[in-house]
Amino acid sequence: MRLFVALVPPPEVLRGLDAAVRPLTDTLADTGDALRWTADADRHLTLAFLGEVDPGTLPALGERLDRAAHRHPPMTLRLAGAGRFGDRVLWAGVAGDTDALRHLAGSVTAAARRCGIAVEEGRAFRAHVTLARGRGRGGARGPGLRPHVAALAGYESETWTADRIELVHSVAPTPGVPGARPRYETAGTWALGR
């Protein structure tokens, strides 16, 4: 199973983000940029990408994630601004209790490692919600993502309280189906705080 642990913004925050991003999707389509936009319902804030995990590990992982979640109180967050990873990924930034968020991500990663899951090391946690990805190996074509990052620079969502983490199963798209995307299924949810 391909898994990750995430915080999912509430529907009203995702709707607001979609309204801010929608004009960009039209602009990028006009410039010929080869971007694959994330669906509104699939947008999330990844705390830890676990990769392929043996299903037999799930009970122990669930116990560890429950303990990790209980050690961290709910936190106040909002989406703010945007950024990019080269011309391959366009993302919305996260503001608010970001120190608490970073500690939660560290606890989730440690929980997975204690279960024998080889979580990638050496990458600093950068809180973001992916908006679009470049297609193929070359990433986006045309003017790049800088203008779109600039267009979202002043964006701020309403504030929300993140009160739970989710273990998400990323189900691979059907091979050979044009436009097929991974499907996300929640495998477990744990409340933050006591």
N, C-alpha and C. Protein backbone atom coordinates (compact mmCIF):
# COMPACT_ATOMS: atom_id res chain seq x y z
N MET A 1 0.84 -1.19 0.00
CA MET A 1 0.00 0.00 0.00
C MET A 1 0.88 1.25 0.00
N ARG A 2 0.53 2.19 -0.81
CA ARG A 2 1.25 3.47 -0.86
C ARG A 2 0.51 4.43 0.08
N LEU A 3 1.21 4.91 1.11
CA LEU A 3 0.56 5.69 2.16
C LEU A 3 1.26 7.02 2.43
N PHE A 4 0.48 7.96 2.95
CA PHE A 4 1.03 9.20 3.49
C PHE A 4 0.14 9.65 4.63
N VAL A 5 0.68 10.50 5.50
CA VAL A 5 -0.08 11.06 6.62
C VAL A 5 -0.28 12.54 6.32
N ALA A 6 -1.51 13.02 6.53
CA ALA A 6 -1.83 14.38 6.11
C ALA A 6 -2.80 15.07 7.05
N LEU A 7 -2.84 16.40 6.91
CA LEU A 7 -3.92 17.22 7.44
C LEU A 7 -4.74 17.63 6.23
N VAL A 8 -6.05 17.59 6.36
CA VAL A 8 -6.91 17.98 5.26
C VAL A 8 -7.68 19.23 5.66
N PRO A 9 -7.48 20.34 4.93
CA PRO A 9 -8.25 21.55 5.23
C PRO A 9 -9.74 21.28 5.07
N PRO A 10 -10.57 22.00 5.82
CA PRO A 10 -12.02 21.80 5.71
C PRO A 10 -12.55 22.24 4.34
N PRO A 11 -13.72 21.75 3.95
CA PRO A 11 -14.28 22.05 2.63
C PRO A 11 -14.37 23.53 2.30
N GLU A 12 -14.73 24.36 3.27
CA GLU A 12 -14.86 25.80 2.97
C GLU A 12 -13.51 26.43 2.61
N VAL A 13 -12.44 25.95 3.23
CA VAL A 13 -11.10 26.45 2.91
C VAL A 13 -10.70 25.98 1.51
N LEU A 14 -11.00 24.73 1.20
CA LEU A 14 -10.68 24.20 -0.12
C LEU A 14 -11.48 24.90 -1.22
N ARG A 15 -12.74 25.23 -0.93
CA ARG A 15 -13.55 25.97 -1.92
C ARG A 15 -12.95 27.35 -2.19
N GLY A 16 -12.52 28.03 -1.12
CA GLY A 16 -11.89 29.34 -1.29
C GLY A 16 -10.61 29.25 -2.09
N LEU A 17 -9.82 28.22 -1.83
CA LEU A 17 -8.58 28.02 -2.59
C LEU A 17 -8.90 27.76 -4.05
N ASP A 18 -9.90 26.95 -4.31
CA ASP A 18 -10.28 26.66 -5.68
C ASP A 18 -10.70 27.93 -6.41
N ALA A 19 -11.43 28.81 -5.74
CA ALA A 19 -11.85 30.07 -6.36
C ALA A 19 -10.64 30.95 -6.70
N ALA A 20 -9.62 30.92 -5.86
CA ALA A 20 -8.42 31.72 -6.12
C ALA A 20 -7.58 31.14 -7.25
N VAL A 21 -7.59 29.83 -7.37
CA VAL A 21 -6.75 29.14 -8.36
C VAL A 21 -7.42 29.06 -9.73
N ARG A 22 -8.73 29.04 -9.76
CA ARG A 22 -9.45 28.83 -11.02
C ARG A 22 -9.00 29.78 -12.14
N PRO A 23 -8.81 31.08 -11.89
CA PRO A 23 -8.34 31.95 -13.00
C PRO A 23 -6.97 31.53 -13.54
N LEU A 24 -6.13 30.96 -12.69
CA LEU A 24 -4.82 30.51 -13.16
C LEU A 24 -4.93 29.29 -14.06
N THR A 25 -5.88 28.43 -13.77
CA THR A 25 -6.01 27.23 -14.62
C THR A 25 -6.35 27.63 -16.03
N ASP A 26 -7.18 28.66 -16.20
CA ASP A 26 -7.51 29.15 -17.54
C ASP A 26 -6.30 29.80 -18.19
N THR A 27 -5.55 30.61 -17.44
CA THR A 27 -4.36 31.29 -17.96
C THR A 27 -3.33 30.28 -18.40
N LEU A 28 -3.09 29.27 -17.56
CA LEU A 28 -2.07 28.27 -17.91
C LEU A 28 -2.49 27.47 -19.13
N ALA A 29 -3.78 27.19 -19.25
CA ALA A 29 -4.25 26.46 -20.42
C ALA A 29 -3.99 27.28 -21.68
N ASP A 30 -4.17 28.60 -21.59
CA ASP A 30 -3.95 29.46 -22.75
C ASP A 30 -2.48 29.54 -23.15
N THR A 31 -1.56 29.42 -22.20
CA THR A 31 -0.14 29.53 -22.52
C THR A 31 0.46 28.20 -22.96
N GLY A 32 -0.30 27.13 -22.87
CA GLY A 32 0.19 25.83 -23.30
C GLY A 32 1.01 25.12 -22.24
N ASP A 33 1.02 25.64 -21.00
CA ASP A 33 1.76 24.96 -19.95
C ASP A 33 1.18 23.57 -19.71
N ALA A 34 2.06 22.62 -19.55
CA ALA A 34 1.64 21.24 -19.34
C ALA A 34 1.58 20.96 -17.85
N LEU A 35 0.51 21.40 -17.21
CA LEU A 35 0.33 21.15 -15.79
C LEU A 35 -0.87 20.26 -15.55
N ARG A 36 -0.74 19.43 -14.56
CA ARG A 36 -1.85 18.58 -14.12
C ARG A 36 -2.30 19.15 -12.78
N TRP A 37 -3.48 19.72 -12.73
CA TRP A 37 -4.01 20.37 -11.53
C TRP A 37 -4.58 19.34 -10.57
N THR A 38 -4.33 19.54 -9.29
CA THR A 38 -4.92 18.64 -8.29
C THR A 38 -6.39 18.97 -8.15
N ALA A 39 -7.19 17.96 -7.96
CA ALA A 39 -8.62 18.15 -7.74
C ALA A 39 -8.83 18.76 -6.36
N ASP A 40 -9.84 19.59 -6.24
CA ASP A 40 -10.16 20.26 -4.98
C ASP A 40 -10.23 19.25 -3.83
N ALA A 41 -10.89 18.13 -4.05
CA ALA A 41 -11.08 17.13 -3.00
C ALA A 41 -9.79 16.40 -2.63
N ASP A 42 -8.77 16.47 -3.49
CA ASP A 42 -7.52 15.76 -3.23
C ASP A 42 -6.45 16.65 -2.59
N ARG A 43 -6.75 17.91 -2.36
CA ARG A 43 -5.75 18.82 -1.80
C ARG A 43 -5.61 18.58 -0.30
N HIS A 44 -4.37 18.48 0.12
CA HIS A 44 -4.06 18.15 1.52
C HIS A 44 -2.66 18.67 1.85
N LEU A 45 -2.33 18.63 3.10
CA LEU A 45 -1.02 19.05 3.59
C LEU A 45 -0.31 17.79 4.09
N THR A 46 0.66 17.29 3.34
CA THR A 46 1.35 16.06 3.70
C THR A 46 2.29 16.30 4.88
N LEU A 47 2.13 15.50 5.92
CA LEU A 47 3.03 15.54 7.08
C LEU A 47 4.20 14.59 6.89
N ALA A 48 3.92 13.43 6.30
CA ALA A 48 4.97 12.44 6.05
C ALA A 48 4.52 11.53 4.91
N PHE A 49 5.39 11.36 3.93
CA PHE A 49 5.14 10.40 2.86
C PHE A 49 5.80 9.10 3.26
N LEU A 50 5.00 8.04 3.37
CA LEU A 50 5.51 6.76 3.85
C LEU A 50 5.90 5.81 2.72
N GLY A 51 5.41 6.04 1.52
CA GLY A 51 5.72 5.16 0.40
C GLY A 51 4.99 3.83 0.52
N GLU A 52 5.60 2.80 -0.03
CA GLU A 52 4.99 1.46 0.00
C GLU A 52 5.13 0.87 1.40
N VAL A 53 4.01 0.47 1.97
CA VAL A 53 3.98 -0.06 3.33
C VAL A 53 3.28 -1.41 3.33
N ASP A 54 3.85 -2.38 4.01
CA ASP A 54 3.24 -3.69 4.16
C ASP A 54 1.94 -3.54 4.95
N PRO A 55 0.81 -4.02 4.43
CA PRO A 55 -0.46 -3.90 5.14
C PRO A 55 -0.41 -4.50 6.56
N GLY A 56 0.47 -5.46 6.78
CA GLY A 56 0.60 -6.04 8.11
C GLY A 56 1.12 -5.06 9.15
N THR A 57 1.71 -3.96 8.70
CA THR A 57 2.25 -2.94 9.59
C THR A 57 1.16 -1.99 10.10
N LEU A 58 -0.01 -1.99 9.46
CA LEU A 58 -1.05 -1.01 9.78
C LEU A 58 -1.49 -0.98 11.23
N PRO A 59 -1.70 -2.11 11.90
CA PRO A 59 -2.12 -2.02 13.31
C PRO A 59 -1.10 -1.30 14.19
N ALA A 60 0.18 -1.63 14.04
CA ALA A 60 1.22 -0.97 14.84
C ALA A 60 1.34 0.50 14.45
N LEU A 61 1.25 0.78 13.16
CA LEU A 61 1.33 2.16 12.69
C LEU A 61 0.17 2.97 13.26
N GLY A 62 -1.01 2.41 13.25
CA GLY A 62 -2.18 3.10 13.80
C GLY A 62 -1.99 3.44 15.27
N GLU A 63 -1.45 2.51 16.05
CA GLU A 63 -1.19 2.77 17.47
C GLU A 63 -0.18 3.90 17.64
N ARG A 64 0.89 3.87 16.85
CA ARG A 64 1.92 4.91 16.95
C ARG A 64 1.39 6.28 16.52
N LEU A 65 0.60 6.30 15.45
CA LEU A 65 0.02 7.57 15.00
C LEU A 65 -0.96 8.13 16.02
N ASP A 66 -1.70 7.25 16.67
CA ASP A 66 -2.62 7.68 17.72
C ASP A 66 -1.85 8.36 18.85
N ARG A 67 -0.76 7.73 19.29
CA ARG A 67 0.07 8.33 20.35
C ARG A 67 0.65 9.67 19.91
N ALA A 68 1.16 9.71 18.69
CA ALA A 68 1.74 10.96 18.19
C ALA A 68 0.68 12.06 18.14
N ALA A 69 -0.50 11.75 17.65
CA ALA A 69 -1.57 12.75 17.55
C ALA A 69 -1.95 13.29 18.92
N HIS A 70 -2.04 12.41 19.90
CA HIS A 70 -2.45 12.84 21.25
C HIS A 70 -1.43 13.75 21.92
N ARG A 71 -0.19 13.68 21.49
CA ARG A 71 0.86 14.53 22.09
C ARG A 71 0.85 15.96 21.55
N HIS A 72 0.05 16.22 20.54
CA HIS A 72 0.03 17.55 19.90
C HIS A 72 -1.38 18.12 19.95
N PRO A 73 -1.52 19.36 20.44
CA PRO A 73 -2.85 19.97 20.49
C PRO A 73 -3.30 20.40 19.09
N PRO A 74 -4.60 20.61 18.93
CA PRO A 74 -5.08 21.18 17.67
C PRO A 74 -4.35 22.50 17.40
N MET A 75 -4.24 22.85 16.14
CA MET A 75 -3.50 24.06 15.78
C MET A 75 -4.29 24.91 14.80
N THR A 76 -4.03 26.20 14.85
CA THR A 76 -4.70 27.15 13.97
C THR A 76 -3.82 27.39 12.75
N LEU A 77 -4.40 27.17 11.57
CA LEU A 77 -3.67 27.30 10.32
C LEU A 77 -4.48 28.08 9.29
N ARG A 78 -3.80 28.56 8.28
CA ARG A 78 -4.45 29.15 7.11
C ARG A 78 -3.52 28.96 5.92
N LEU A 79 -4.08 28.97 4.75
CA LEU A 79 -3.27 28.92 3.54
C LEU A 79 -2.90 30.35 3.20
N ALA A 80 -1.66 30.57 2.79
CA ALA A 80 -1.19 31.92 2.52
C ALA A 80 -0.11 31.92 1.46
N GLY A 81 -0.32 32.71 0.43
CA GLY A 81 0.69 32.85 -0.61
C GLY A 81 0.88 31.58 -1.41
N ALA A 82 1.96 31.55 -2.15
CA ALA A 82 2.24 30.41 -3.02
C ALA A 82 3.74 30.30 -3.24
N GLY A 83 4.14 29.19 -3.80
CA GLY A 83 5.54 28.97 -4.13
C GLY A 83 5.63 27.90 -5.20
N ARG A 84 6.85 27.50 -5.47
CA ARG A 84 7.05 26.49 -6.50
C ARG A 84 8.30 25.69 -6.19
N PHE A 85 8.34 24.48 -6.66
CA PHE A 85 9.53 23.66 -6.66
C PHE A 85 9.97 23.61 -8.12
N GLY A 86 10.92 24.47 -8.48
CA GLY A 86 11.32 24.60 -9.88
C GLY A 86 10.11 24.98 -10.71
N ASP A 87 9.99 24.38 -11.88
CA ASP A 87 8.79 24.56 -12.69
C ASP A 87 8.00 23.25 -12.74
N ARG A 88 8.18 22.44 -11.69
CA ARG A 88 7.49 21.15 -11.64
C ARG A 88 6.28 21.16 -10.71
N VAL A 89 6.29 21.98 -9.66
CA VAL A 89 5.19 21.95 -8.70
C VAL A 89 4.83 23.37 -8.29
N LEU A 90 3.54 23.68 -8.35
CA LEU A 90 2.99 24.93 -7.86
C LEU A 90 2.24 24.61 -6.58
N TRP A 91 2.49 25.40 -5.51
CA TRP A 91 1.85 25.08 -4.24
C TRP A 91 1.38 26.33 -3.51
N ALA A 92 0.41 26.12 -2.60
CA ALA A 92 -0.06 27.16 -1.68
C ALA A 92 0.69 26.98 -0.37
N GLY A 93 1.11 28.10 0.21
CA GLY A 93 1.84 28.04 1.48
C GLY A 93 0.89 27.89 2.66
N VAL A 94 1.48 27.64 3.82
CA VAL A 94 0.71 27.47 5.06
C VAL A 94 1.27 28.43 6.10
N ALA A 95 0.38 29.09 6.83
CA ALA A 95 0.77 30.03 7.88
C ALA A 95 -0.01 29.70 9.14
N GLY A 96 0.38 30.30 10.24
CA GLY A 96 -0.28 30.06 11.52
C GLY A 96 0.68 29.37 12.46
N ASP A 97 0.21 28.31 13.12
CA ASP A 97 1.02 27.57 14.09
C ASP A 97 2.01 26.65 13.37
N THR A 98 2.92 27.24 12.60
CA THR A 98 3.81 26.43 11.77
C THR A 98 4.88 25.70 12.58
N ASP A 99 5.28 26.25 13.73
CA ASP A 99 6.23 25.52 14.58
C ASP A 99 5.58 24.25 15.11
N ALA A 100 4.34 24.38 15.57
CA ALA A 100 3.60 23.21 16.06
C ALA A 100 3.40 22.20 14.93
N LEU A 101 3.13 22.69 13.75
CA LEU A 101 2.94 21.83 12.58
C LEU A 101 4.22 21.06 12.27
N ARG A 102 5.36 21.73 12.32
CA ARG A 102 6.65 21.08 12.06
C ARG A 102 6.92 19.99 13.10
N HIS A 103 6.59 20.27 14.38
CA HIS A 103 6.78 19.26 15.43
C HIS A 103 5.86 18.06 15.21
N LEU A 104 4.63 18.32 14.79
CA LEU A 104 3.70 17.23 14.49
C LEU A 104 4.25 16.37 13.35
N ALA A 105 4.74 16.99 12.31
CA ALA A 105 5.31 16.24 11.19
C ALA A 105 6.48 15.37 11.66
N GLY A 106 7.30 15.91 12.55
CA GLY A 106 8.42 15.13 13.09
C GLY A 106 7.94 13.94 13.90
N SER A 107 6.89 14.13 14.68
CA SER A 107 6.35 13.02 15.49
C SER A 107 5.74 11.94 14.61
N VAL A 108 5.05 12.34 13.57
CA VAL A 108 4.44 11.38 12.65
C VAL A 108 5.53 10.58 11.94
N THR A 109 6.58 11.26 11.51
CA THR A 109 7.70 10.58 10.86
C THR A 109 8.37 9.59 11.81
N ALA A 110 8.58 10.01 13.06
CA ALA A 110 9.19 9.13 14.06
C ALA A 110 8.31 7.91 14.32
N ALA A 111 7.01 8.12 14.38
CA ALA A 111 6.07 7.00 14.60
C ALA A 111 6.20 5.96 13.48
N ALA A 112 6.30 6.44 12.25
CA ALA A 112 6.44 5.52 11.12
C ALA A 112 7.77 4.77 11.19
N ARG A 113 8.83 5.47 11.52
CA ARG A 113 10.14 4.82 11.60
C ARG A 113 10.16 3.75 12.68
N ARG A 114 9.48 4.00 13.80
CA ARG A 114 9.43 3.00 14.88
C ARG A 114 8.70 1.73 14.45
N CYS A 115 7.93 1.84 13.39
CA CYS A 115 7.24 0.67 12.85
C CYS A 115 8.05 0.00 11.73
N GLY A 116 9.26 0.49 11.52
CA GLY A 116 10.12 -0.09 10.49
C GLY A 116 9.89 0.47 9.10
N ILE A 117 9.16 1.56 8.99
CA ILE A 117 8.90 2.18 7.69
C ILE A 117 10.05 3.14 7.39
N ALA A 118 10.67 2.96 6.25
CA ALA A 118 11.83 3.77 5.87
C ALA A 118 11.37 5.10 5.28
N VAL A 119 11.06 6.05 6.14
CA VAL A 119 10.66 7.37 5.68
C VAL A 119 11.91 8.11 5.22
N GLU A 120 11.78 8.77 4.07
CA GLU A 120 12.92 9.48 3.49
C GLU A 120 13.48 10.51 4.46
N GLU A 121 14.79 10.50 4.60
CA GLU A 121 15.46 11.45 5.49
C GLU A 121 16.16 12.52 4.67
N GLY A 122 16.58 13.58 5.34
CA GLY A 122 17.37 14.61 4.71
C GLY A 122 16.57 15.72 4.07
N ARG A 123 15.26 15.60 3.99
CA ARG A 123 14.43 16.65 3.42
C ARG A 123 13.79 17.44 4.54
N ALA A 124 13.98 18.73 4.53
CA ALA A 124 13.34 19.57 5.54
C ALA A 124 11.84 19.63 5.26
N PHE A 125 11.04 19.61 6.31
CA PHE A 125 9.60 19.70 6.16
C PHE A 125 9.23 21.10 5.67
N ARG A 126 8.47 21.17 4.60
CA ARG A 126 7.99 22.45 4.07
C ARG A 126 6.48 22.33 3.92
N ALA A 127 5.75 23.00 4.81
CA ALA A 127 4.30 22.92 4.80
C ALA A 127 3.75 23.57 3.53
N HIS A 128 2.97 22.81 2.77
CA HIS A 128 2.36 23.32 1.55
C HIS A 128 1.22 22.42 1.11
N VAL A 129 0.39 22.96 0.24
CA VAL A 129 -0.67 22.20 -0.41
C VAL A 129 -0.40 22.27 -1.91
N THR A 130 -0.17 21.13 -2.52
CA THR A 130 0.14 21.09 -3.95
C THR A 130 -1.08 21.49 -4.76
N LEU A 131 -0.86 22.41 -5.69
CA LEU A 131 -1.93 22.88 -6.57
C LEU A 131 -1.84 22.25 -7.95
N ALA A 132 -0.61 22.09 -8.46
CA ALA A 132 -0.43 21.54 -9.80
C ALA A 132 0.96 20.95 -9.92
N ARG A 133 1.08 19.97 -10.82
CA ARG A 133 2.37 19.34 -11.11
C ARG A 133 2.63 19.40 -12.61
N GLY A 134 3.92 19.53 -12.95
CA GLY A 134 4.30 19.49 -14.36
C GLY A 134 4.13 18.08 -14.89
N ARG A 135 3.75 17.98 -16.15
CA ARG A 135 3.60 16.67 -16.78
C ARG A 135 4.93 16.27 -17.39
N GLY A 136 5.25 15.02 -17.26
CA GLY A 136 6.46 14.51 -17.89
C GLY A 136 7.71 14.94 -17.16
N ARG A 137 8.84 14.58 -17.71
CA ARG A 137 10.12 14.82 -17.05
C ARG A 137 10.59 16.26 -17.14
N GLY A 138 10.14 16.99 -18.14
CA GLY A 138 10.62 18.34 -18.33
C GLY A 138 9.90 19.39 -17.50
N GLY A 139 8.81 19.03 -16.83
CA GLY A 139 8.07 20.01 -16.06
C GLY A 139 7.25 20.90 -16.95
N ALA A 140 6.84 22.03 -16.43
CA ALA A 140 5.99 22.96 -17.17
C ALA A 140 6.75 23.58 -18.34
N ARG A 141 6.04 23.91 -19.39
CA ARG A 141 6.62 24.59 -20.56
C ARG A 141 6.12 26.02 -20.57
N GLY A 142 6.72 26.83 -21.38
CA GLY A 142 6.24 28.20 -21.52
C GLY A 142 6.93 29.09 -20.50
N PRO A 143 6.20 30.10 -19.96
CA PRO A 143 6.82 31.10 -19.10
C PRO A 143 7.18 30.59 -17.71
N GLY A 144 6.86 29.38 -17.38
CA GLY A 144 7.16 28.86 -16.05
C GLY A 144 6.11 29.27 -15.04
N LEU A 145 6.38 28.96 -13.79
CA LEU A 145 5.39 29.16 -12.73
C LEU A 145 5.54 30.49 -12.00
N ARG A 146 6.61 31.23 -12.24
CA ARG A 146 6.82 32.48 -11.50
C ARG A 146 5.64 33.44 -11.56
N PRO A 147 5.03 33.67 -12.73
CA PRO A 147 3.90 34.60 -12.77
C PRO A 147 2.70 34.12 -11.93
N HIS A 148 2.55 32.81 -11.85
CA HIS A 148 1.41 32.25 -11.13
C HIS A 148 1.65 32.28 -9.62
N VAL A 149 2.91 32.12 -9.23
CA VAL A 149 3.27 32.31 -7.83
C VAL A 149 3.00 33.76 -7.44
N ALA A 150 3.39 34.68 -8.31
CA ALA A 150 3.17 36.11 -8.04
C ALA A 150 1.67 36.42 -7.96
N ALA A 151 0.88 35.78 -8.81
CA ALA A 151 -0.57 36.04 -8.80
C ALA A 151 -1.22 35.59 -7.49
N LEU A 152 -0.64 34.58 -6.85
CA LEU A 152 -1.20 34.06 -5.59
C LEU A 152 -0.47 34.60 -4.36
N ALA A 153 0.48 35.50 -4.55
CA ALA A 153 1.31 35.98 -3.45
C ALA A 153 0.49 36.56 -2.30
N GLY A 154 -0.58 37.27 -2.61
CA GLY A 154 -1.40 37.88 -1.56
C GLY A 154 -2.55 37.03 -1.09
N TYR A 155 -2.65 35.80 -1.59
CA TYR A 155 -3.78 34.94 -1.22
C TYR A 155 -3.71 34.54 0.26
N GLU A 156 -4.83 34.60 0.94
CA GLU A 156 -4.96 34.07 2.31
C GLU A 156 -6.33 33.45 2.46
N SER A 157 -6.35 32.25 2.96
CA SER A 157 -7.62 31.58 3.23
C SER A 157 -8.14 32.01 4.59
N GLU A 158 -9.34 31.59 4.87
CA GLU A 158 -9.82 31.78 6.24
C GLU A 158 -9.03 30.84 7.14
N THR A 159 -9.00 31.16 8.41
CA THR A 159 -8.28 30.34 9.39
C THR A 159 -9.14 29.13 9.76
N TRP A 160 -8.48 28.01 10.00
CA TRP A 160 -9.19 26.84 10.49
C TRP A 160 -8.38 26.17 11.59
N THR A 161 -9.06 25.33 12.36
CA THR A 161 -8.39 24.56 13.41
C THR A 161 -8.16 23.15 12.89
N ALA A 162 -6.89 22.78 12.75
CA ALA A 162 -6.53 21.42 12.36
C ALA A 162 -6.61 20.58 13.62
N ASP A 163 -7.53 19.62 13.63
CA ASP A 163 -7.77 18.86 14.85
C ASP A 163 -7.61 17.36 14.70
N ARG A 164 -7.12 16.91 13.52
CA ARG A 164 -6.92 15.47 13.32
C ARG A 164 -5.93 15.23 12.19
N ILE A 165 -5.28 14.08 12.26
CA ILE A 165 -4.42 13.64 11.17
C ILE A 165 -5.10 12.47 10.48
N GLU A 166 -4.74 12.28 9.22
CA GLU A 166 -5.31 11.17 8.46
C GLU A 166 -4.20 10.35 7.82
N LEU A 167 -4.36 9.04 7.88
CA LEU A 167 -3.50 8.13 7.13
C LEU A 167 -4.23 7.89 5.82
N VAL A 168 -3.57 8.19 4.71
CA VAL A 168 -4.22 8.15 3.40
C VAL A 168 -3.54 7.11 2.52
N HIS A 169 -4.38 6.29 1.89
CA HIS A 169 -3.93 5.28 0.93
C HIS A 169 -4.06 5.88 -0.46
N SER A 170 -2.95 5.97 -1.17
CA SER A 170 -2.95 6.47 -2.54
C SER A 170 -3.06 5.27 -3.47
N VAL A 171 -4.22 5.14 -4.09
CA VAL A 171 -4.49 4.01 -4.99
C VAL A 171 -4.06 4.43 -6.39
N ALA A 172 -3.18 3.65 -6.98
CA ALA A 172 -2.63 3.98 -8.30
C ALA A 172 -3.73 4.04 -9.35
N PRO A 173 -3.56 4.93 -10.33
CA PRO A 173 -4.55 5.01 -11.41
C PRO A 173 -4.51 3.75 -12.27
N THR A 174 -5.59 3.52 -12.96
CA THR A 174 -5.66 2.38 -13.86
C THR A 174 -4.68 2.57 -15.01
N PRO A 175 -3.77 1.61 -15.20
CA PRO A 175 -2.79 1.76 -16.29
C PRO A 175 -3.47 1.83 -17.65
N GLY A 176 -2.91 2.66 -18.51
CA GLY A 176 -3.42 2.76 -19.87
C GLY A 176 -4.64 3.63 -20.05
N VAL A 177 -5.16 4.21 -18.98
CA VAL A 177 -6.34 5.06 -19.09
C VAL A 177 -5.87 6.52 -19.15
N PRO A 178 -6.06 7.18 -20.30
CA PRO A 178 -5.60 8.57 -20.42
C PRO A 178 -6.27 9.46 -19.36
N GLY A 179 -5.45 10.29 -18.71
CA GLY A 179 -5.97 11.22 -17.72
C GLY A 179 -6.28 10.61 -16.37
N ALA A 180 -6.06 9.30 -16.21
CA ALA A 180 -6.34 8.66 -14.92
C ALA A 180 -5.40 9.21 -13.86
N ARG A 181 -5.94 9.37 -12.66
CA ARG A 181 -5.17 9.93 -11.54
C ARG A 181 -5.26 8.99 -10.35
N PRO A 182 -4.31 9.13 -9.41
CA PRO A 182 -4.43 8.34 -8.19
C PRO A 182 -5.71 8.71 -7.45
N ARG A 183 -6.23 7.79 -6.71
CA ARG A 183 -7.42 8.00 -5.88
C ARG A 183 -6.98 7.91 -4.43
N TYR A 184 -7.45 8.82 -3.59
CA TYR A 184 -7.06 8.84 -2.19
C TYR A 184 -8.19 8.29 -1.33
N GLU A 185 -7.83 7.35 -0.45
CA GLU A 185 -8.80 6.76 0.47
C GLU A 185 -8.24 6.88 1.89
N THR A 186 -9.05 7.38 2.81
CA THR A 186 -8.63 7.51 4.19
C THR A 186 -8.60 6.14 4.85
N ALA A 187 -7.44 5.77 5.38
CA ALA A 187 -7.26 4.47 6.02
C ALA A 187 -7.37 4.56 7.54
N GLY A 188 -7.30 5.78 8.09
CA GLY A 188 -7.42 5.98 9.54
C GLY A 188 -7.37 7.45 9.87
N THR A 189 -8.00 7.83 10.97
CA THR A 189 -8.03 9.21 11.42
C THR A 189 -7.80 9.23 12.92
N TRP A 190 -6.98 10.19 13.39
CA TRP A 190 -6.68 10.31 14.82
C TRP A 190 -6.78 11.77 15.24
N ALA A 191 -7.48 12.00 16.33
CA ALA A 191 -7.67 13.37 16.84
C ALA A 191 -6.41 13.88 17.49
N LEU A 192 -6.14 15.17 17.30
CA LEU A 192 -5.03 15.81 17.98
C LEU A 192 -5.45 16.17 19.40
N GLY A 193 -4.50 16.12 20.31
CA GLY A 193 -4.76 16.49 21.70
C GLY A 193 -5.31 15.34 22.51
N ARG A 194 -5.55 15.59 23.78
CA ARG A 194 -6.05 14.54 24.69
C ARG A 194 -7.55 14.41 24.64
